C-alpha cells in the first residue's frame, strides 16, 4: 500500500514547515536559548501544521545533541528512532477517542514513570477540546505540577472550548490558514518530485477548494496523480463547473447585459447546480475582484462591486426560504444591472416668490437636457474629446473604432465591426473608463453599451501561410 502524499511529504525539520514562519521562528528561538516550558497549546484550522509542528518540537526537546540553532541533530539514536516512529517516549493521544476522566487518570499514572530512552517524555494530545469537563479537571493537576521530565503539547481546532484554567498554564501558538499562493507553490514542488504534469491553474483550483488547509490540498492533489492534471479535469471531478458560469455572470453584469445574466442563472438552475453553492462561489469571485480593484486603485469600480456583493449576499440569505428556487438570484441580477443605469439629473424647481411680491405668475422655463447629450452632429463633434479623455490607452484605441448607433436619454450604444475591438471595450473595467470620460467631458453620468455589428470574417490562409511561411510566387531559374 502506497503512503499518502501528505504523510510522505510531512516536514522533518522546522525549515520545511510550510506557511507558519512566525510559529517556527519563535519556537526555534526558545530552543536555541533553552527556554522551554512544560505545556504548549497549538490552535488553528485543520491541516495547517499543528501536529507536524508538535512532532518537530518533540524531536528537538528529546534530541541528545541539538545544534546551536536549536535544531535536532537527526543523527543521534533518539532522532533516528523518532524518524521511524519507534520512540516509545513520544506518546500521541487522540482526545476524541480518549476523552473520559479514566483515560486522563491512566495518563497521569504513566507520566510518573521515567523515560526509557530519551531524556524527556513528550505527550501530544490532539483535538484536546474533545475532553470532558471532568477530564480537563484531571489534566489540570498534571499541568500545574508536571514532573521535570514531562512535556505536554496540546492541539485543537476549537480554542474557545478550552477552559481558561488550562489555557493559563500553556504557552499558546496560533496557526493561520495557509495562503493559496504558498499552497500552489508547494503542490508544484510535490508534482515535480512525483514527476507529474500539472497545470498551474489546476493547482490554483485545488488550493482554492482546500480553503487554507495544506493537508486537504495535498489529499485532493493525490486524487489526480494517475493522469496529467488540467483545470478542466479538476472542475469536472470536484464539481467546479459553476466557476465558469460565475465568470460569465460577472461579465454579463459588468456589461449590463440583463438578458444574458438571467439566462446564466436559469442555465445553472436547469443543470442542477446547488444555487447556494453557486452564489457563494460568485460572492467569492466578487470579493477577489474587489481586492484587485482596491490594490490597483480603480476607485470607480469599487462602489459597483460593493453594491453587487450586498445584493448577492442578500440573495444567498433568501435562497434557503424562497418559494421559487432561483427567484432571489434573478432579483439580484436585475437590481445589479439597474445600478449601471445612471439616473437622469433632475433640475431643481424654480424658487417661487410670495404672491404679494409679483404682479403675475411667471412662465416657467422649459427643462433643458445637459449640454452635450444631443443626438446627432452636436454629440459626434464632441466624441473625439471624449475618446481622448479615456484613461486607458488600449481601451481608447479600441473605443475610437466604434460608431454611435443610438441614444436614449443618458444611454449610448456603440457598434463595432471588429470582434477584437468589441471584446476589448465590452467588460467592466473598460466600460468604467469610457463612462468616466463621458462624465469628464459632458459633466453628467452616462451609460455606455457596446454591440458587435456584422463582424468581418478573417481571410482564409493557405496551409503554408498559416504556418508563417511566405508563399513563393516566382519561378526559380
Protein backbone atom coordinates (compact mmCIF):
# COMPACT_ATOMS: atom_id res chain seq x y z
CA UNK A 1 0.00 0.00 0.00
CA UNK A 2 1.39 3.37 -1.01
CA UNK A 3 1.94 6.08 1.58
CA UNK A 4 -0.41 9.06 1.49
CA UNK A 5 1.34 12.08 -0.01
CA UNK A 6 0.58 14.33 2.97
CA UNK A 7 2.42 11.82 5.18
CA UNK A 8 5.20 11.23 2.65
CA UNK A 9 5.95 14.96 2.48
CA UNK A 10 5.37 15.77 6.15
CA UNK A 11 8.05 18.28 7.24
CA UNK A 12 11.01 16.70 9.02
CA UNK A 13 12.62 19.96 10.19
CA UNK A 14 11.40 23.43 11.10
CA UNK A 15 12.91 24.69 7.84
CA UNK A 16 10.43 22.56 5.89
CA UNK A 17 7.39 23.78 7.82
CA UNK A 18 5.10 25.48 5.27
CA UNK A 19 3.26 28.75 5.85
CA UNK A 20 3.86 29.17 9.61
CA UNK A 21 7.04 31.22 9.72
CA UNK A 22 6.13 33.17 12.87
CA UNK A 23 5.47 30.00 14.87
CA UNK A 24 8.61 28.20 13.72
CA UNK A 25 10.82 31.25 14.34
CA UNK A 26 9.51 31.73 17.90
CA UNK A 27 9.93 28.05 18.77
CA UNK A 28 13.43 27.94 17.32
CA UNK A 29 14.45 30.97 19.39
CA UNK A 30 13.13 29.24 22.53
CA UNK A 31 15.05 26.05 21.67
CA UNK A 32 18.22 27.99 20.87
CA UNK A 33 18.11 29.79 24.23
CA UNK A 34 16.88 26.66 26.05
CA UNK A 35 13.82 28.50 27.35
CA UNK A 36 11.28 25.71 27.18
CA UNK A 37 8.04 25.40 29.11
CA UNK A 38 6.28 22.19 30.11
CA UNK A 39 2.99 22.85 28.31
CA UNK A 40 2.23 24.21 24.86
CA UNK A 41 -1.08 24.61 23.05
CA UNK A 42 -1.34 24.91 19.26
CA UNK A 43 -4.62 26.24 17.86
CA UNK A 44 -5.80 26.85 14.32
CA UNK A 45 -7.78 25.47 11.36
CA UNK A 46 -7.35 21.88 10.24
CA UNK A 47 -4.44 20.97 8.01
CA UNK A 48 -2.27 23.96 8.90
CA UNK A 49 0.60 22.03 10.53
CA UNK A 50 -0.26 21.82 14.24
CA UNK A 51 0.53 18.11 14.68
CA UNK A 52 3.57 18.30 12.40
CA UNK A 53 4.93 21.21 14.44
CA UNK A 54 4.22 19.32 17.67
CA UNK A 55 6.30 16.38 16.39
CA UNK A 56 9.12 18.69 15.34
CA UNK A 57 9.13 20.36 18.75
CA UNK A 58 9.07 16.97 20.47
CA UNK A 59 12.01 15.78 18.35
CA UNK A 60 14.00 18.89 19.30
CA UNK A 61 13.16 18.53 23.01
CA UNK A 62 14.19 14.86 23.06
CA UNK A 63 17.32 15.19 20.88
CA UNK A 64 20.53 14.27 22.72
CA UNK A 65 22.64 16.95 20.99
CA UNK A 66 20.77 19.88 19.46
CA UNK A 67 22.63 22.24 17.14
CA UNK A 68 23.47 25.83 18.08
CA UNK A 69 20.41 26.94 16.10
CA UNK A 70 18.12 24.83 18.27
CA UNK A 71 17.52 22.18 15.59
CA UNK A 72 17.63 18.44 16.31
CA UNK A 73 20.83 16.78 15.10
CA UNK A 74 18.91 14.00 13.22
CA UNK A 75 21.92 11.72 13.79
CA UNK A 76 21.62 10.54 17.39
CA UNK A 77 19.80 7.32 18.29
CA UNK A 78 16.78 9.22 19.66
CA UNK A 79 16.36 11.23 16.43
CA UNK A 80 16.68 8.07 14.35
CA UNK A 81 14.03 6.27 16.43
CA UNK A 82 11.85 9.36 16.29
CA UNK A 83 12.07 9.50 12.49
CA UNK A 84 10.97 5.83 12.33
CA UNK A 85 8.06 6.47 14.76
CA UNK A 86 9.60 3.89 17.10
CA UNK A 87 10.42 6.11 20.09
CA UNK A 88 8.17 4.99 22.97
CA UNK A 89 8.93 8.19 24.92
CA UNK A 90 6.88 10.17 22.38
CA UNK A 91 3.20 9.48 23.09
CA UNK A 92 0.38 10.74 20.86
CA UNK A 93 -3.11 10.72 22.36
CA UNK A 94 -6.31 11.25 20.36
CA UNK A 95 -8.61 13.12 22.73
CA UNK A 96 -11.61 12.37 20.51
CA UNK A 97 -11.25 8.66 21.35
CA UNK A 98 -9.82 9.02 24.87
CA UNK A 99 -11.90 11.84 26.27
CA UNK A 100 -13.05 10.49 29.60
CA UNK A 101 -11.74 11.02 33.10
CA UNK A 102 -10.49 7.43 33.35
CA UNK A 103 -8.30 7.92 30.26
CA UNK A 104 -6.69 11.03 31.78
CA UNK A 105 -6.24 9.30 35.15
CA UNK A 106 -4.42 6.48 33.36
CA UNK A 107 -2.24 9.08 31.62
CA UNK A 108 -1.46 10.71 34.99
CA UNK A 109 -0.24 7.36 36.35
CA UNK A 110 2.03 6.78 33.36
CA UNK A 111 3.70 10.21 33.41
CA UNK A 112 5.25 9.36 36.77
CA UNK A 113 7.45 6.77 35.05
CA UNK A 114 10.86 7.95 33.85
CA UNK A 115 11.59 7.96 30.08
CA UNK A 116 13.08 4.71 28.81
CA UNK A 117 15.45 6.07 26.14
CA UNK A 118 15.18 9.84 25.66
CA UNK A 119 15.94 12.44 28.30
CA UNK A 120 12.32 13.59 28.36
CA UNK A 121 8.83 12.25 27.71
CA UNK A 122 6.54 14.24 25.40
CA UNK A 123 2.76 13.81 25.26
CA UNK A 124 0.97 15.18 22.20
CA UNK A 125 -2.79 15.41 22.85
CA UNK A 126 -4.63 16.06 19.59
CA UNK A 127 -8.13 17.58 19.42
CA UNK A 128 -7.86 18.34 23.13
CA UNK A 129 -11.13 20.31 23.09
CA UNK A 130 -12.96 16.96 22.92
CA UNK A 131 -12.11 16.13 26.55
CA UNK A 132 -14.97 16.14 29.05
CA UNK A 133 -15.15 18.69 31.84
CA UNK A 134 -14.07 16.06 34.36
CA UNK A 135 -11.15 15.01 32.14
CA UNK A 136 -9.98 18.64 31.87
CA UNK A 137 -10.04 18.91 35.66
CA UNK A 138 -7.95 15.77 35.92
CA UNK A 139 -5.49 17.05 33.31
CA UNK A 140 -5.21 20.39 35.13
CA UNK A 141 -3.39 18.80 38.07
CA UNK A 142 -0.72 17.36 35.76
CA UNK A 143 -0.25 20.73 34.05
CA UNK A 144 0.07 22.55 37.39
CA UNK A 145 2.80 20.31 38.80
CA UNK A 146 4.36 18.30 35.95
CA UNK A 147 7.40 16.09 36.61
CA UNK A 148 10.64 17.60 35.34
CA UNK A 149 10.93 15.05 32.54
CA UNK A 150 7.40 15.64 31.10
CA UNK A 151 6.29 17.99 28.33
CA UNK A 152 2.73 18.43 27.06
CA UNK A 153 1.82 19.68 23.58
CA UNK A 154 -1.92 20.18 23.10
CA UNK A 155 -3.51 20.75 19.68
CA UNK A 156 -7.02 21.99 18.91
CA UNK A 157 -9.13 23.43 16.13
CA UNK A 158 -11.59 24.99 18.60
CA UNK A 159 -9.63 27.04 21.10
CA UNK A 160 -12.80 28.61 22.53
CA UNK A 161 -13.77 25.24 24.03
CA UNK A 162 -10.62 25.02 26.15
CA UNK A 163 -11.14 26.07 29.81
CA UNK A 164 -9.32 29.20 30.91
CA UNK A 165 -7.64 27.24 33.67
CA UNK A 166 -5.95 25.07 31.04
CA UNK A 167 -5.05 27.97 28.74
CA UNK A 168 -3.45 29.93 31.57
CA UNK A 169 -0.97 27.09 32.15
CA UNK A 170 0.07 26.69 28.50
CA UNK A 171 2.15 28.71 26.10
CA UNK A 172 -0.19 29.41 23.19
CA UNK A 173 0.64 29.46 19.46
CA UNK A 174 -1.95 30.37 16.82
CA UNK A 175 -1.68 28.79 13.37
CA UNK A 176 -3.09 30.70 10.41
CA UNK A 177 -4.71 29.48 7.22
CA UNK A 178 -2.08 28.96 4.54
CA UNK A 179 -2.36 31.30 1.56
CA UNK A 180 -3.31 29.94 -1.85
CA UNK A 181 -0.01 31.11 -3.32
CA UNK A 182 2.03 29.11 -0.79
CA UNK A 183 -0.17 26.03 -1.29
CA UNK A 184 0.18 26.21 -5.09
CA UNK A 185 3.98 26.56 -4.85
CA UNK A 186 4.14 23.56 -2.52
CA UNK A 187 1.94 21.44 -4.79
CA UNK A 188 4.20 22.34 -7.72
CA UNK A 189 7.22 21.06 -5.76
CA UNK A 190 5.41 17.80 -4.96
CA UNK A 191 4.35 17.39 -8.60
CA UNK A 192 7.95 17.85 -9.68
CA UNK A 193 9.21 15.29 -7.15
CA UNK A 194 6.49 12.83 -8.18
CA UNK A 195 7.26 13.54 -11.88
CA UNK A 196 3.67 14.55 -12.65
CA UNK A 197 2.39 17.03 -15.23
CA UNK A 198 0.12 19.63 -13.64
CA UNK A 199 -1.21 22.93 -14.96
CA UNK A 200 -0.72 25.79 -12.53
CA UNK A 201 -4.33 26.87 -12.95
CA UNK A 202 -5.43 23.36 -11.93
CA UNK A 203 -3.31 23.62 -8.78
CA UNK A 204 -4.86 27.03 -8.08
CA UNK A 205 -8.32 25.45 -8.21
CA UNK A 206 -7.19 22.75 -5.75
CA UNK A 207 -5.71 25.38 -3.42
CA UNK A 208 -8.93 27.38 -3.52
CA UNK A 209 -11.00 24.28 -2.73
CA UNK A 210 -8.72 23.44 0.21
CA UNK A 211 -9.60 26.74 1.96
CA UNK A 212 -6.22 27.28 3.60
CA UNK A 213 -5.61 23.63 4.57
CA UNK A 214 -2.37 22.29 3.10
CA UNK A 215 -3.24 18.71 4.07
CA UNK A 216 -6.59 18.94 2.26
CA UNK A 217 -4.87 20.37 -0.81
CA UNK A 218 -2.34 17.53 -0.93
CA UNK A 219 -5.08 14.94 -0.43
CA UNK A 220 -7.08 16.46 -3.30
CA UNK A 221 -3.95 16.53 -5.44
CA UNK A 222 -3.36 12.82 -4.84
CA UNK A 223 -6.73 12.02 -6.41
CA UNK A 224 -5.35 13.18 -9.78
CA UNK A 225 -1.89 11.59 -9.73
CA UNK A 226 -2.86 8.88 -12.24
CA UNK A 227 -3.03 11.33 -15.16
CA UNK A 228 -1.90 14.72 -16.37
CA UNK A 229 -3.64 17.34 -14.27
CA UNK A 230 -5.61 20.03 -16.11
CA UNK A 231 -8.03 22.70 -14.93
CA UNK A 232 -10.82 21.06 -16.92
CA UNK A 233 -10.33 17.73 -15.13
CA UNK A 234 -10.29 19.43 -11.71
CA UNK A 235 -13.53 21.30 -12.44
CA UNK A 236 -15.22 18.11 -13.62
CA UNK A 237 -14.08 15.88 -10.74
CA UNK A 238 -14.66 18.41 -7.97
CA UNK A 239 -17.90 19.76 -9.38
CA UNK A 240 -16.47 23.21 -10.05
CA UNK A 241 -18.05 23.74 -13.48
CA UNK A 242 -20.12 26.53 -11.94
CA UNK A 243 -16.95 28.64 -11.66
CA UNK A 244 -17.09 29.18 -15.42
CA UNK A 245 -20.70 30.32 -15.00
CA UNK A 246 -19.54 32.72 -12.26
CA UNK A 247 -17.06 34.33 -14.66
CA UNK A 248 -19.77 34.59 -17.32
CA UNK A 249 -22.22 36.15 -14.85
CA UNK A 250 -19.63 38.70 -13.75
CA UNK A 251 -19.03 39.70 -17.37
CA UNK A 252 -22.76 39.94 -18.10
CA UNK A 253 -23.44 42.16 -15.10
CA UNK A 254 -20.39 44.30 -15.82
CA UNK A 255 -21.67 44.99 -19.34
CA UNK A 256 -25.26 45.49 -18.09
CA UNK A 257 -26.45 42.56 -20.24
CA UNK A 258 -29.51 41.70 -18.15
CA UNK A 259 -30.92 39.05 -20.50
CA UNK A 260 -27.64 37.16 -20.68
CA UNK A 261 -27.24 37.30 -16.88
CA UNK A 262 -30.76 35.91 -16.35
CA UNK A 263 -30.06 33.18 -18.91
CA UNK A 264 -26.93 32.15 -16.97
CA UNK A 265 -28.90 31.89 -13.71
CA UNK A 266 -31.57 29.80 -15.45
CA UNK A 267 -28.94 27.53 -17.01
CA UNK A 268 -27.20 26.98 -13.67
CA UNK A 269 -30.53 26.01 -12.10
CA UNK A 270 -31.52 23.81 -15.03
CA UNK A 271 -28.23 21.90 -15.00
CA UNK A 272 -28.75 21.01 -11.35
CA UNK A 273 -26.09 23.07 -9.60
CA UNK A 274 -26.70 23.94 -5.98
CA UNK A 275 -27.74 27.61 -6.09
CA UNK A 276 -26.45 28.28 -2.57
CA UNK A 277 -23.00 26.99 -3.55
CA UNK A 278 -23.12 28.87 -6.85
CA UNK A 279 -23.99 32.14 -5.10
CA UNK A 280 -21.26 31.57 -2.51
CA UNK A 281 -18.75 30.99 -5.33
CA UNK A 282 -19.93 34.15 -7.10
CA UNK A 283 -19.53 36.15 -3.89
CA UNK A 284 -16.01 34.75 -3.57
CA UNK A 285 -15.30 35.92 -7.13
CA UNK A 286 -16.69 39.38 -6.35
CA UNK A 287 -14.52 39.56 -3.24
CA UNK A 288 -11.46 38.67 -5.34
CA UNK A 289 -12.36 41.34 -7.91
CA UNK A 290 -12.89 43.86 -5.11
CA UNK A 291 -9.42 43.22 -3.71
CA UNK A 292 -7.94 43.54 -7.21
CA UNK A 293 -9.73 46.87 -7.75
CA UNK A 294 -8.57 48.26 -4.39
CA UNK A 295 -4.95 47.20 -4.95
CA UNK A 296 -4.97 48.66 -8.48
CA UNK A 297 -6.56 51.89 -7.17
CA UNK A 298 -9.54 51.55 -9.54
CA UNK A 299 -11.79 53.80 -7.47
CA UNK A 300 -14.73 53.96 -9.91
CA UNK A 301 -15.04 50.14 -9.89
CA UNK A 302 -15.05 49.66 -6.12
CA UNK A 303 -18.55 51.11 -5.33
CA UNK A 304 -20.14 48.99 -8.07
CA UNK A 305 -18.59 45.75 -6.82
CA UNK A 306 -19.52 46.61 -3.23
CA UNK A 307 -23.16 47.11 -4.23
CA UNK A 308 -23.13 43.78 -6.10
CA UNK A 309 -21.72 42.00 -3.05
CA UNK A 310 -24.55 43.38 -0.89
CA UNK A 311 -27.18 42.32 -3.43
CA UNK A 312 -25.92 38.76 -3.90
CA UNK A 313 -25.17 38.27 -0.21
CA UNK A 314 -28.79 39.20 0.49
CA UNK A 315 -29.88 36.76 -2.26
CA UNK A 316 -27.81 33.98 -0.64
CA UNK A 317 -29.61 34.52 2.66
CA UNK A 318 -33.03 34.38 0.96
CA UNK A 319 -32.33 31.30 -1.20
CA UNK A 320 -32.99 28.87 1.67
CA UNK A 321 -36.57 30.04 2.19
CA UNK A 322 -37.58 31.11 -1.31
CA UNK A 323 -40.71 29.53 -2.79
CA UNK A 324 -39.11 29.75 -6.26
CA UNK A 325 -35.55 28.45 -6.17
CA UNK A 326 -33.84 30.94 -8.49
CA UNK A 327 -36.01 33.99 -7.74
CA UNK A 328 -33.64 35.72 -5.23
CA UNK A 329 -30.78 35.38 -7.72
CA UNK A 330 -32.88 36.78 -10.55
CA UNK A 331 -33.85 39.78 -8.41
CA UNK A 332 -30.18 40.38 -7.55
CA UNK A 333 -29.27 40.21 -11.25
CA UNK A 334 -31.96 42.73 -12.24
CA UNK A 335 -31.06 45.17 -9.48
CA UNK A 336 -27.33 44.90 -10.16
CA UNK A 337 -27.85 45.73 -13.84
CA UNK A 338 -30.17 48.59 -12.89
CA UNK A 339 -27.36 50.17 -10.93
CA UNK A 340 -25.41 50.59 -14.15
CA UNK A 341 -28.19 52.88 -15.42
CA UNK A 342 -27.40 56.36 -14.17
CA UNK A 343 -30.42 58.38 -13.18
CA UNK A 344 -31.02 61.47 -15.30
CA UNK A 345 -30.20 64.64 -13.37
CA UNK A 346 -33.27 66.39 -12.02
CA UNK A 347 -33.39 70.16 -12.39
CA UNK A 348 -34.26 71.97 -9.19
CA UNK A 349 -37.68 73.66 -9.16
CA UNK A 350 -37.55 77.48 -9.54
CA UNK A 351 -37.92 79.48 -6.39
CA UNK A 352 -41.50 80.79 -6.04
CA UNK A 353 -41.78 84.35 -4.82
CA UNK A 354 -44.59 85.33 -2.44
CA UNK A 355 -47.85 86.23 -4.19
CA UNK A 356 -47.81 89.83 -2.91
CA UNK A 357 -44.37 90.44 -4.42
CA UNK A 358 -45.26 89.59 -8.03
CA UNK A 359 -47.84 91.12 -10.35
CA UNK A 360 -48.37 87.95 -12.38
CA UNK A 361 -47.31 84.35 -12.32
CA UNK A 362 -44.09 83.92 -14.33
CA UNK A 363 -43.98 81.37 -17.12
CA UNK A 364 -41.64 78.53 -16.06
CA UNK A 365 -38.67 77.91 -18.31
CA UNK A 366 -38.56 74.53 -20.09
CA UNK A 367 -36.25 71.91 -18.60
CA UNK A 368 -33.06 71.68 -20.61
CA UNK A 369 -31.11 68.49 -21.20
CA UNK A 370 -27.48 68.52 -20.06
CA UNK A 371 -25.14 70.07 -22.53
CA UNK A 372 -23.52 67.61 -24.94
CA UNK A 373 -26.17 64.86 -24.80
CA UNK A 374 -27.99 65.79 -28.00
CA UNK A 375 -28.31 63.10 -30.65
CA UNK A 376 -26.62 63.70 -33.96
CA UNK A 377 -23.84 66.03 -35.07
CA UNK A 378 -23.54 68.00 -31.79
CA UNK A 379 -22.59 64.88 -29.83
CA UNK A 380 -20.50 63.44 -32.63
CA UNK A 381 -18.43 66.63 -32.64
CA UNK A 382 -17.52 66.01 -29.02
CA UNK A 383 -16.70 62.30 -29.45
CA UNK A 384 -13.00 62.96 -30.26
CA UNK A 385 -12.76 64.89 -26.99
CA UNK A 386 -14.46 62.01 -25.13
CA UNK A 387 -12.16 59.45 -26.77
CA UNK A 388 -9.11 61.48 -25.76
CA UNK A 389 -10.36 61.53 -22.14
CA UNK A 390 -10.40 57.70 -21.85
CA UNK A 391 -7.67 56.94 -19.29
CA UNK A 392 -6.59 53.52 -20.66
CA UNK A 393 -4.62 53.74 -23.95
CA UNK A 394 -5.68 50.26 -25.12
CA UNK A 395 -9.37 50.92 -24.36
CA UNK A 396 -9.10 54.32 -26.04
CA UNK A 397 -7.66 52.76 -29.20
CA UNK A 398 -10.49 50.21 -29.46
CA UNK A 399 -13.25 52.65 -28.45
CA UNK A 400 -12.41 55.08 -31.24
CA UNK A 401 -13.20 52.36 -33.83
CA UNK A 402 -16.85 52.25 -32.68
CA UNK A 403 -19.76 54.09 -34.27
CA UNK A 404 -22.52 55.82 -32.29
CA UNK A 405 -25.57 53.70 -33.08
CA UNK A 406 -28.31 55.11 -30.86
CA UNK A 407 -29.04 57.37 -27.91
CA UNK A 408 -31.91 57.34 -25.44
CA UNK A 409 -31.65 59.82 -22.59
CA UNK A 410 -28.27 59.19 -21.00
CA UNK A 411 -27.84 55.78 -22.66
CA UNK A 412 -25.48 55.45 -25.62
CA UNK A 413 -24.97 52.39 -27.81
CA UNK A 414 -21.84 51.98 -29.93
CA UNK A 415 -21.42 49.33 -32.61
CA UNK A 416 -18.24 47.62 -33.78
CA UNK A 417 -17.39 45.51 -36.80
CA UNK A 418 -14.20 44.13 -35.24
CA UNK A 419 -14.60 41.31 -32.74
CA UNK A 420 -11.19 42.17 -31.23
CA UNK A 421 -12.10 45.79 -30.51
CA UNK A 422 -15.59 44.82 -29.29
CA UNK A 423 -14.17 42.38 -26.72
CA UNK A 424 -11.61 44.98 -25.68
CA UNK A 425 -14.26 47.54 -24.68
CA UNK A 426 -17.08 45.22 -23.54
CA UNK A 427 -16.01 44.42 -19.99
CA UNK A 428 -16.47 46.18 -16.68
CA UNK A 429 -13.11 47.96 -16.37
CA UNK A 430 -13.25 49.30 -19.93
CA UNK A 431 -16.85 50.48 -19.56
CA UNK A 432 -15.91 52.35 -16.37
CA UNK A 433 -13.05 54.11 -18.20
CA UNK A 434 -15.40 55.14 -21.02
CA UNK A 435 -18.23 56.30 -18.74
CA UNK A 436 -15.74 58.32 -16.70
CA UNK A 437 -14.60 60.01 -19.92
CA UNK A 438 -18.23 60.92 -20.76
CA UNK A 439 -18.68 62.38 -17.28
CA UNK A 440 -15.44 64.36 -17.50
CA UNK A 441 -16.29 65.90 -20.88
CA UNK A 442 -20.09 66.27 -20.65
CA UNK A 443 -20.40 66.85 -16.91
CA UNK A 444 -23.08 64.20 -16.34
CA UNK A 445 -23.47 60.46 -15.78
CA UNK A 446 -23.89 58.27 -18.86
CA UNK A 447 -24.45 54.58 -19.54
CA UNK A 448 -22.47 53.18 -22.45
CA UNK A 449 -23.10 49.77 -24.02
CA UNK A 450 -21.47 48.08 -26.98
CA UNK A 451 -22.74 45.82 -29.75
CA UNK A 452 -20.99 43.67 -32.32
CA UNK A 453 -22.42 44.53 -35.76
CA UNK A 454 -21.64 42.48 -38.89
CA UNK A 455 -18.15 41.24 -37.93
CA UNK A 456 -15.79 40.98 -40.87
CA UNK A 457 -14.56 37.41 -41.45
CA UNK A 458 -10.82 36.86 -41.48
CA UNK A 459 -9.35 35.99 -44.89
CA UNK A 460 -8.62 32.32 -45.32
CA UNK A 461 -4.96 31.35 -45.28
CA UNK A 462 -3.30 28.68 -47.29
CA UNK A 463 -1.60 25.95 -45.34
CA UNK A 464 1.80 27.48 -45.98
CA UNK A 465 0.67 30.96 -44.91
CA UNK A 466 -0.93 29.58 -41.74
CA UNK A 467 2.44 28.20 -40.69
CA UNK A 468 4.05 31.60 -41.13
CA UNK A 469 5.90 30.86 -44.37
CA UNK A 470 5.95 33.27 -47.29
CA UNK A 471 4.40 31.83 -50.48
CA UNK A 472 6.89 31.75 -53.36
CA UNK A 473 5.17 33.13 -56.47
CA UNK A 474 8.14 33.40 -58.83
CA UNK A 475 9.74 30.50 -60.63
CA UNK A 476 13.33 29.94 -59.66
CA UNK A 477 15.72 29.90 -62.58
